[in-house]
């Protein structure tokens, strides 16, 4: 890769995979705050639900990011869910596939 093409990459529009990479880097460095996590997850979730993504690895990485939060930063995930619920009608079902979120099971939340 020559220098001119690497400079062009600095100014390209980030993909959903790029945003997931940023999320994971912040998570691994223990620099992921509630606000950053919420913002990134909202953007990533919206992109995954509106774009015709053919790359299943992006969906897998998104699920892994949610799992990482669930197991390693469950308090942050609960705060994200609370913040998400105040702005939207419900939390994405894939975040808690078997859990009870705010006293409502996922099957009840989507009726």
Protein backbone atom coordinates (compact mmCIF):
# COMPACT_ATOMS: atom_id res chain seq x y z
CA UNK A 1 0.00 0.00 0.00
CA UNK A 2 1.46 3.34 -0.94
CA UNK A 3 1.28 6.40 1.26
CA UNK A 4 -1.31 8.25 -0.83
CA UNK A 5 -3.85 5.43 -0.55
CA UNK A 6 -3.35 5.12 3.21
CA UNK A 7 -4.12 8.84 3.58
CA UNK A 8 -7.32 8.39 1.60
CA UNK A 9 -8.40 5.70 4.07
CA UNK A 10 -8.25 8.28 6.86
CA UNK A 11 -11.11 10.21 5.28
CA UNK A 12 -13.41 7.44 4.13
CA UNK A 13 -16.82 6.92 5.67
CA UNK A 14 -16.60 4.27 8.40
CA UNK A 15 -18.48 1.04 7.84
CA UNK A 16 -20.50 -0.82 10.41
CA UNK A 17 -17.54 -3.18 10.82
CA UNK A 18 -15.30 -0.18 11.53
CA UNK A 19 -17.68 0.98 14.25
CA UNK A 20 -17.70 -2.49 15.78
CA UNK A 21 -13.89 -2.46 15.74
CA UNK A 22 -13.91 0.88 17.57
CA UNK A 23 -16.37 -0.52 20.11
CA UNK A 24 -14.15 -3.57 20.70
CA UNK A 25 -10.97 -1.49 20.96
CA UNK A 26 -12.57 0.80 23.54
CA UNK A 27 -13.95 -2.21 25.42
CA UNK A 28 -10.58 -4.01 25.46
CA UNK A 29 -8.79 -0.86 26.62
CA UNK A 30 -11.41 -0.40 29.38
CA UNK A 31 -12.18 3.03 27.93
CA UNK A 32 -15.78 2.26 27.00
CA UNK A 33 -18.09 4.58 28.90
CA UNK A 34 -21.85 4.41 29.14
CA UNK A 35 -22.28 7.31 26.72
CA UNK A 36 -19.85 5.89 24.16
CA UNK A 37 -21.37 2.43 24.37
CA UNK A 38 -24.90 3.76 24.00
CA UNK A 39 -24.00 5.97 21.04
CA UNK A 40 -22.08 3.28 19.21
CA UNK A 41 -24.69 0.58 19.83
CA UNK A 42 -27.50 2.84 18.63
CA UNK A 43 -25.65 3.65 15.42
CA UNK A 44 -24.60 0.05 14.82
CA UNK A 45 -28.09 -1.31 15.57
CA UNK A 46 -29.70 1.22 13.23
CA UNK A 47 -27.27 0.42 10.44
CA UNK A 48 -27.81 -3.32 10.84
CA UNK A 49 -31.58 -2.92 10.80
CA UNK A 50 -31.71 -0.57 7.79
CA UNK A 51 -28.94 -1.78 5.50
CA UNK A 52 -29.02 -4.91 3.44
CA UNK A 53 -25.96 -6.45 5.06
CA UNK A 54 -24.74 -9.58 3.36
CA UNK A 55 -21.76 -10.09 5.63
CA UNK A 56 -22.87 -12.32 8.49
CA UNK A 57 -19.65 -11.67 10.36
CA UNK A 58 -20.87 -8.14 11.13
CA UNK A 59 -23.99 -9.52 12.81
CA UNK A 60 -21.85 -12.03 14.68
CA UNK A 61 -19.51 -9.30 15.90
CA UNK A 62 -22.49 -7.22 17.03
CA UNK A 63 -23.84 -10.18 19.02
CA UNK A 64 -20.39 -10.74 20.52
CA UNK A 65 -20.22 -7.08 21.57
CA UNK A 66 -23.55 -7.39 23.38
CA UNK A 67 -22.38 -10.65 25.00
CA UNK A 68 -19.16 -8.97 26.14
CA UNK A 69 -21.17 -6.22 27.80
CA UNK A 70 -23.57 -8.73 29.34
CA UNK A 71 -20.80 -10.79 30.93
CA UNK A 72 -18.13 -8.21 31.70
CA UNK A 73 -20.00 -4.93 32.13
CA UNK A 74 -23.53 -5.98 33.03
CA UNK A 75 -24.13 -2.81 35.03
CA UNK A 76 -23.27 -0.70 31.97
CA UNK A 77 -25.56 -2.81 29.78
CA UNK A 78 -28.42 -2.33 32.25
CA UNK A 79 -27.84 1.44 32.16
CA UNK A 80 -27.78 1.33 28.36
CA UNK A 81 -31.09 -0.54 28.37
CA UNK A 82 -32.60 2.01 30.73
CA UNK A 83 -31.38 4.91 28.58
CA UNK A 84 -32.56 3.16 25.41
CA UNK A 85 -36.00 2.55 26.91
CA UNK A 86 -36.47 6.20 27.84
CA UNK A 87 -35.88 7.20 24.21
CA UNK A 88 -37.58 4.29 22.42
CA UNK A 89 -40.50 2.01 23.02
CA UNK A 90 -38.41 -1.13 23.65
CA UNK A 91 -34.93 -2.57 23.78
CA UNK A 92 -33.67 -4.68 20.87
CA UNK A 93 -34.67 -8.28 21.61
CA UNK A 94 -31.25 -9.67 20.77
CA UNK A 95 -29.72 -7.88 23.74
CA UNK A 96 -31.54 -10.11 26.23
CA UNK A 97 -32.87 -13.14 24.36
CA UNK A 98 -33.75 -15.13 27.50
CA UNK A 99 -33.70 -12.51 30.22
CA UNK A 100 -36.30 -10.43 31.87
CA UNK A 101 -35.75 -6.75 31.00
CA UNK A 102 -37.29 -4.26 33.41
CA UNK A 103 -39.79 -6.84 34.62
CA UNK A 104 -41.01 -7.73 31.11
CA UNK A 105 -39.92 -10.80 29.20
CA UNK A 106 -38.91 -10.35 25.59
CA UNK A 107 -41.98 -12.18 24.35
CA UNK A 108 -44.17 -9.78 26.36
CA UNK A 109 -42.24 -6.71 25.19
CA UNK A 110 -42.85 -7.47 21.52
CA UNK A 111 -46.57 -8.27 21.69
